[in-house]
C-alpha atoms as a PDB file:
ATOM      1  CA  MET A   1      46.698-159.415 -73.376  1.00  0.00           C
ATOM      2  CA  LEU A   2      48.091-161.728 -70.758  1.00  0.00           C
ATOM      3  CA  THR A   3      47.276-165.427 -70.621  1.00  0.00           C
ATOM      4  CA  ALA A   4      46.799-167.530 -67.500  1.00  0.00           C
ATOM      5  CA  GLN A   5      50.046-169.361 -68.260  1.00  0.00           C
ATOM      6  CA  GLN A   6      52.016-166.122 -68.635  1.00  0.00           C
ATOM      7  CA  VAL A   7      50.795-165.015 -65.222  1.00  0.00           C
ATOM      8  CA  LEU A   8      51.851-168.337 -63.673  1.00  0.00           C
ATOM      9  CA  ASP A   9      55.243-168.202 -65.410  1.00  0.00           C
ATOM     10  CA  THR A  10      56.039-164.678 -64.170  1.00  0.00           C
ATOM     11  CA  THR A  11      59.115-164.316 -61.987  1.00  0.00           C
ATOM     12  CA  PHE A  12      60.109-161.301 -59.915  1.00  0.00           C
ATOM     13  CA  THR A  13      63.383-159.972 -58.573  1.00  0.00           C
ATOM     14  CA  ALA A  14      63.761-161.014 -54.943  1.00  0.00           C
ATOM     15  CA  THR A  15      64.265-158.330 -52.312  1.00  0.00           C
ATOM     16  CA  LYS A  16      65.905-158.899 -48.952  1.00  0.00           C
ATOM     17  CA  PHE A  17      67.118-155.695 -47.307  1.00  0.00           C
ATOM     18  CA  ARG A  18      64.762-153.333 -49.077  1.00  0.00           C
ATOM     19  CA  GLU A  19      61.002-153.183 -49.150  1.00  0.00           C
ATOM     20  CA  GLY A  20      59.175-155.802 -51.186  1.00  0.00           C
ATOM     21  CA  TYR A  21      55.800-157.521 -51.275  1.00  0.00           C
ATOM     22  CA  ASP A  22      55.072-160.671 -49.262  1.00  0.00           C
ATOM     23  CA  VAL A  23      55.900-163.636 -51.525  1.00  0.00           C
ATOM     24  CA  GLU A  24      53.080-165.907 -50.347  1.00  0.00           C
ATOM     25  CA  GLN A  25      50.412-163.211 -50.687  1.00  0.00           C
ATOM     26  CA  VAL A  26      51.519-162.314 -54.217  1.00  0.00           C
ATOM     27  CA  ASP A  27      51.641-165.998 -55.243  1.00  0.00           C
ATOM     28  CA  ILE A  28      48.085-166.574 -53.958  1.00  0.00           C
ATOM     29  CA  TYR A  29      46.908-163.478 -55.830  1.00  0.00           C
ATOM     30  CA  LEU A  30      48.533-164.712 -59.049  1.00  0.00           C
ATOM     31  CA  ASP A  31      46.845-168.117 -58.638  1.00  0.00           C
ATOM     32  CA  ASP A  32      43.485-166.308 -58.338  1.00  0.00           C
ATOM     33  CA  VAL A  33      44.261-164.209 -61.426  1.00  0.00           C
ATOM     34  CA  SER A  34      45.253-167.333 -63.345  1.00  0.00           C
ATOM     35  CA  ALA A  35      41.992-169.112 -62.416  1.00  0.00           C
ATOM     36  CA  THR A  36      40.027-166.084 -63.616  1.00  0.00           C
ATOM     37  CA  LEU A  37      41.926-165.899 -66.901  1.00  0.00           C
ATOM     38  CA  LYS A  38      41.477-169.655 -67.454  1.00  0.00           C
ATOM     39  CA  ALA A  39      37.706-169.193 -67.142  1.00  0.00           C
ATOM     40  CA  TYR A  40      37.799-166.435 -69.759  1.00  0.00           C
ATOM     41  CA  GLU A  41      40.120-168.445 -72.007  1.00  0.00           C
ATOM     42  CA  ALA A  42      37.679-171.363 -71.862  1.00  0.00           C
ATOM     43  CA  GLY A  43      35.060-169.060 -73.349  1.00  0.00           C
ATOM     44  CA  GLY A  44      33.229-168.355 -70.123  1.00  0.00           C
ATOM     45  CA  ARG A  45      32.664-165.492 -67.787  1.00  0.00           C
ATOM     46  CA  PRO A  46      33.994-165.693 -64.248  1.00  0.00           C
ATOM     47  CA  GLY A  47      31.477-165.626 -61.436  1.00  0.00           C
ATOM     48  CA  PRO A  48      31.632-165.659 -57.657  1.00  0.00           C
ATOM     49  CA  GLY A  49      35.049-166.319 -56.202  1.00  0.00           C
ATOM     50  CA  LEU A  50      36.974-165.051 -59.224  1.00  0.00           C
ATOM     51  CA  LEU A  51      38.476-161.626 -59.762  1.00  0.00           C
ATOM     52  CA  THR A  52      37.121-158.565 -61.520  1.00  0.00           C
ATOM     53  CA  SER A  53      39.387-155.825 -62.848  1.00  0.00           C
ATOM     54  CA  VAL A  54      38.354-153.614 -59.907  1.00  0.00           C
ATOM     55  CA  GLU A  55      39.310-156.317 -57.393  1.00  0.00           C
ATOM     56  CA  ALA A  56      42.573-156.989 -59.233  1.00  0.00           C
ATOM     57  CA  ARG A  57      43.499-153.304 -59.097  1.00  0.00           C
ATOM     58  CA  GLY A  58      42.647-153.122 -55.371  1.00  0.00           C
ATOM     59  CA  ALA A  59      45.031-155.928 -54.378  1.00  0.00           C
ATOM     60  CA  ARG A  60      47.209-155.022 -51.387  1.00  0.00           C
ATOM     61  CA  PHE A  61      50.137-156.987 -50.036  1.00  0.00           C
ATOM     62  CA  SER A  62      52.068-156.826 -46.788  1.00  0.00           C
ATOM     63  CA  ALA A  63      55.460-155.154 -47.056  1.00  0.00           C
ATOM     64  CA  THR A  64      58.644-157.051 -46.295  1.00  0.00           C
ATOM     65  CA  LYS A  65      61.982-155.537 -45.416  1.00  0.00           C
ATOM     66  CA  TRP A  66      64.199-157.972 -43.500  1.00  0.00           C
ATOM     67  CA  ARG A  67      62.915-161.093 -45.213  1.00  0.00           C
ATOM     68  CA  GLU A  68      62.613-162.036 -48.857  1.00  0.00           C
ATOM     69  CA  GLY A  69      59.897-160.351 -50.893  1.00  0.00           C
ATOM     70  CA  TYR A  70      59.049-159.510 -54.491  1.00  0.00           C
ATOM     71  CA  ASP A  71      60.150-156.268 -56.121  1.00  0.00           C
ATOM     72  CA  VAL A  72      57.326-153.733 -55.643  1.00  0.00           C
ATOM     73  CA  THR A  73      57.677-152.048 -59.049  1.00  0.00           C
ATOM     74  CA  GLU A  74      57.700-155.341 -60.940  1.00  0.00           C
ATOM     75  CA  VAL A  75      54.583-156.606 -59.137  1.00  0.00           C
ATOM     76  CA  ASP A  76      52.770-153.289 -59.632  1.00  0.00           C
ATOM     77  CA  ASP A  77      53.616-153.319 -63.353  1.00  0.00           C
ATOM     78  CA  LEU A  78      52.193-156.850 -63.684  1.00  0.00           C
ATOM     79  CA  ILE A  79      49.036-155.802 -61.827  1.00  0.00           C
ATOM     80  CA  ASP A  80      48.562-152.981 -64.363  1.00  0.00           C
ATOM     81  CA  SER A  81      48.792-155.539 -67.187  1.00  0.00           C
ATOM     82  CA  ILE A  82      46.395-157.901 -65.386  1.00  0.00           C
ATOM     83  CA  VAL A  83      43.847-155.119 -64.907  1.00  0.00           C
ATOM     84  CA  GLY A  84      44.077-154.201 -68.592  1.00  0.00           C
ATOM     85  CA  THR A  85      43.555-157.816 -69.625  1.00  0.00           C
ATOM     86  CA  LEU A  86      40.566-158.258 -67.307  1.00  0.00           C
ATOM     87  CA  GLN A  87      39.020-154.996 -68.535  1.00  0.00           C
ATOM     88  CA  SER A  88      39.341-156.260 -72.121  1.00  0.00           C
ATOM     89  CA  TYR A  89      37.544-159.496 -71.238  1.00  0.00           C
ATOM     90  CA  GLU A  90      34.880-157.682 -69.219  1.00  0.00           C
ATOM     91  CA  ALA A  91      34.116-155.399 -72.183  1.00  0.00           C
ATOM     92  CA  ARG A  92      33.273-158.378 -74.407  1.00  0.00           C
ATOM     93  CA  PRO A  93      29.659-159.504 -74.805  1.00  0.00           C
ATOM     94  CA  THR A  94      28.476-162.390 -72.625  1.00  0.00           C
ATOM     95  CA  PRO A  95      29.003-165.692 -74.477  1.00  0.00           C
ATOM     96  CA  ALA A  96      25.974-167.798 -75.401  1.00  0.00           C
ATOM     97  CA  LEU A  97      25.598-171.173 -73.713  1.00  0.00           C
ATOM     98  CA  HIS A  98      26.939-174.146 -75.630  1.00  0.00           C
ATOM     99  CA  PRO A  99      24.656-177.244 -75.759  1.00  0.00           C
ATOM    100  CA  THR A 100      27.106-179.223 -73.587  1.00  0.00           C
ATOM    101  CA  ASP A 101      26.797-176.624 -70.803  1.00  0.00           C
ATOM    102  CA  ALA A 102      23.725-178.441 -69.497  1.00  0.00           C
ATOM    103  CA  VAL A 103      25.944-181.443 -68.789  1.00  0.00           C
ATOM    104  CA  SER A 104      28.652-179.315 -67.150  1.00  0.00           C
ATOM    105  CA  ASP A 105      26.048-177.516 -65.033  1.00  0.00           C
ATOM    106  CA  ALA A 106      25.528-180.746 -63.074  1.00  0.00           C
ATOM    107  CA  VAL A 107      29.109-180.456 -61.850  1.00  0.00           C
ATOM    108  CA  GLY A 108      29.070-179.052 -58.348  1.00  0.00           C
ATOM    109  CA  GLN A 109      25.318-178.855 -57.897  1.00  0.00           C
ATOM    110  CA  GLN A 110      23.924-180.481 -54.816  1.00  0.00           C
ATOM    111  CA  GLY A 111      20.912-182.751 -55.190  1.00  0.00           C
ATOM    112  CA  THR A 112      21.098-182.830 -58.984  1.00  0.00           C
ATOM    113  CA  THR A 113      19.010-185.743 -60.178  1.00  0.00           C
ATOM    114  CA  ALA A 114      17.491-184.542 -63.442  1.00  0.00           C
ATOM    115  CA  PRO A 115      19.200-185.691 -66.630  1.00  0.00           C
ATOM    116  CA  PRO A 116      20.480-183.049 -69.018  1.00  0.00           C
ATOM    117  CA  SER A 117      18.427-181.755 -71.925  1.00  0.00           C
ATOM    118  CA  PRO A 118      18.142-183.986 -75.035  1.00  0.00           C
ATOM    119  CA  ALA A 119      20.492-181.670 -76.953  1.00  0.00           C
ATOM    120  CA  ALA A 120      23.112-182.011 -74.232  1.00  0.00           C
ATOM    121  CA  GLY A 121      22.624-185.771 -74.079  1.00  0.00           C
ATOM    122  CA  ALA A 122      23.247-186.066 -77.786  1.00  0.00           C
ATOM    123  CA  ALA A 123      26.379-183.951 -77.481  1.00  0.00           C
ATOM    124  CA  ALA A 124      27.692-186.010 -74.585  1.00  0.00           C
ATOM    125  CA  GLY A 125      26.448-189.402 -75.753  1.00  0.00           C
ATOM    126  CA  ASP A 126      28.005-192.156 -77.832  1.00  0.00           C
ATOM    127  CA  GLY A 127      30.225-190.983 -80.639  1.00  0.00           C
ATOM    128  CA  ALA A 128      31.285-187.830 -78.846  1.00  0.00           C
ATOM    129  CA  ARG A 129      34.988-186.989 -78.838  1.00  0.00           C
ATOM    130  CA  PRO A 130      36.613-188.135 -75.567  1.00  0.00           C
ATOM    131  CA  LEU A 131      37.911-185.281 -73.434  1.00  0.00           C
ATOM    132  CA  GLY A 132      41.593-184.973 -72.690  1.00  0.00           C
ATOM    133  CA  VAL A 133      42.815-184.066 -69.215  1.00  0.00           C
ATOM    134  CA  HIS A 134      43.404-180.424 -70.202  1.00  0.00           C
ATOM    135  CA  ASP A 135      39.897-180.048 -71.705  1.00  0.00           C
ATOM    136  CA  LEU A 136      38.293-181.753 -68.711  1.00  0.00           C
ATOM    137  CA  THR A 137      40.174-179.550 -66.250  1.00  0.00           C
ATOM    138  CA  THR A 138      39.189-176.411 -68.127  1.00  0.00           C
ATOM    139  CA  GLN A 139      35.527-177.438 -68.294  1.00  0.00           C
ATOM    140  CA  LEU A 140      35.502-178.349 -64.597  1.00  0.00           C
ATOM    141  CA  GLN A 141      36.959-174.954 -63.680  1.00  0.00           C
ATOM    142  CA  TYR A 142      34.351-173.187 -65.788  1.00  0.00           C
ATOM    143  CA  ALA A 143      31.535-175.334 -64.378  1.00  0.00           C
ATOM    144  CA  ARG A 144      32.747-174.591 -60.842  1.00  0.00           C
ATOM    145  CA  VAL A 145      32.407-170.892 -61.606  1.00  0.00           C
ATOM    146  CA  ARG A 146      28.806-171.399 -62.722  1.00  0.00           C
ATOM    147  CA  ALA A 147      28.131-173.632 -59.693  1.00  0.00           C
ATOM    148  CA  ASN A 148      29.008-170.741 -57.367  1.00  0.00           C
ATOM    149  CA  GLY A 149      32.366-172.177 -56.366  1.00  0.00           C
ATOM    150  CA  SER A 150      31.127-175.589 -55.285  1.00  0.00           C
ATOM    151  CA  ASP A 151      33.736-178.358 -55.381  1.00  0.00           C
ATOM    152  CA  ARG A 152      31.145-181.127 -55.437  1.00  0.00           C
ATOM    153  CA  LEU A 153      31.481-183.325 -58.529  1.00  0.00           C
ATOM    154  CA  VAL A 154      28.430-185.271 -59.698  1.00  0.00           C
ATOM    155  CA  VAL A 155      28.306-187.492 -62.791  1.00  0.00           C
ATOM    156  CA  LEU A 156      25.297-188.522 -64.839  1.00  0.00           C
ATOM    157  CA  LEU A 157      25.176-192.310 -65.264  1.00  0.00           C
ATOM    158  CA  PRO A 158      23.812-194.041 -68.405  1.00  0.00           C
ATOM    159  CA  ASP A 159      20.589-195.017 -66.587  1.00  0.00           C
ATOM    160  CA  GLY A 160      19.833-191.344 -65.841  1.00  0.00           C
ATOM    161  CA  SER A 161      20.767-191.516 -62.152  1.00  0.00           C
ATOM    162  CA  THR A 162      23.585-189.467 -60.642  1.00  0.00           C
ATOM    163  CA  ALA A 163      26.595-190.389 -58.525  1.00  0.00           C
ATOM    164  CA  HIS A 164      29.214-188.527 -56.493  1.00  0.00           C
ATOM    165  CA  VAL A 165      32.828-188.878 -57.589  1.00  0.00           C
ATOM    166  CA  THR A 166      34.663-190.422 -54.628  1.00  0.00           C
ATOM    167  CA  ALA A 167      38.092-191.182 -56.057  1.00  0.00           C
ATOM    168  CA  LEU A 168      40.280-190.750 -59.091  1.00  0.00           C
ATOM    169  CA  GLU A 169      42.734-193.372 -60.309  1.00  0.00           C
ATOM    170  CA  ALA A 170      45.336-193.025 -63.047  1.00  0.00           C
ATOM    171  CA  GLY A 171      46.512-196.001 -65.038  1.00  0.00           C
ATOM    172  CA  PRO A 172      47.980-196.891 -68.430  1.00  0.00           C
ATOM    173  CA  GLN A 173      44.561-196.736 -70.120  1.00  0.00           C
ATOM    174  CA  GLY A 174      43.665-193.325 -68.715  1.00  0.00           C
ATOM    175  CA  ILE A 175      41.969-191.816 -65.706  1.00  0.00           C
ATOM    176  CA  THR A 176      39.120-193.619 -63.937  1.00  0.00           C
ATOM    177  CA  LEU A 177      36.565-191.889 -61.724  1.00  0.00           C
ATOM    178  CA  ARG A 178      35.201-193.989 -58.863  1.00  0.00           C
ATOM    179  CA  THR A 179      31.639-193.104 -57.908  1.00  0.00           C
ATOM    180  CA  ALA A 180      28.996-193.710 -55.244  1.00  0.00           C
ATOM    181  CA  ARG A 181      25.323-193.435 -56.203  1.00  0.00           C
ATOM    182  CA  GLN A 182      23.365-190.597 -54.646  1.00  0.00           C
ATOM    183  CA  ALA A 183      20.547-191.503 -52.296  1.00  0.00           C
END
């Protein structure tokens, strides 16, 4: 089975005076495949905006001949592997929700003002292991899938209110999210 990183690390033979696939279109497709695989790798199931095996198989790219493209056979072989990987994931049973999913569900939802369930609060409260950048990114991608592709990021504040994330700052002590309270 392919991983998201293997898909991103794939290189193809460049074509110039023979037919190939449009480089930009293939790269966009591979980014979409990688996002889908990351959702599966995080233990989730992709939703709207991410690829199914049927959609992956149906990918079509413009042909190039007098400009650089990717080797058709190499791209088609990778697509076959991608489809096989997606079919393997799709055949697995749907994962059960983890208690912290209630917290992640607030990510991307508009008008979210209710605090998470007590079980989620305990999981996300004091004493919880701090998330690293990789874990946070993975959870945000998975939450975005469940939030129907919304990019809106909302955080739950200690007083139970919510705030929009307006900026991100990186410094020697870590990453700080700047917020503005919701009306």
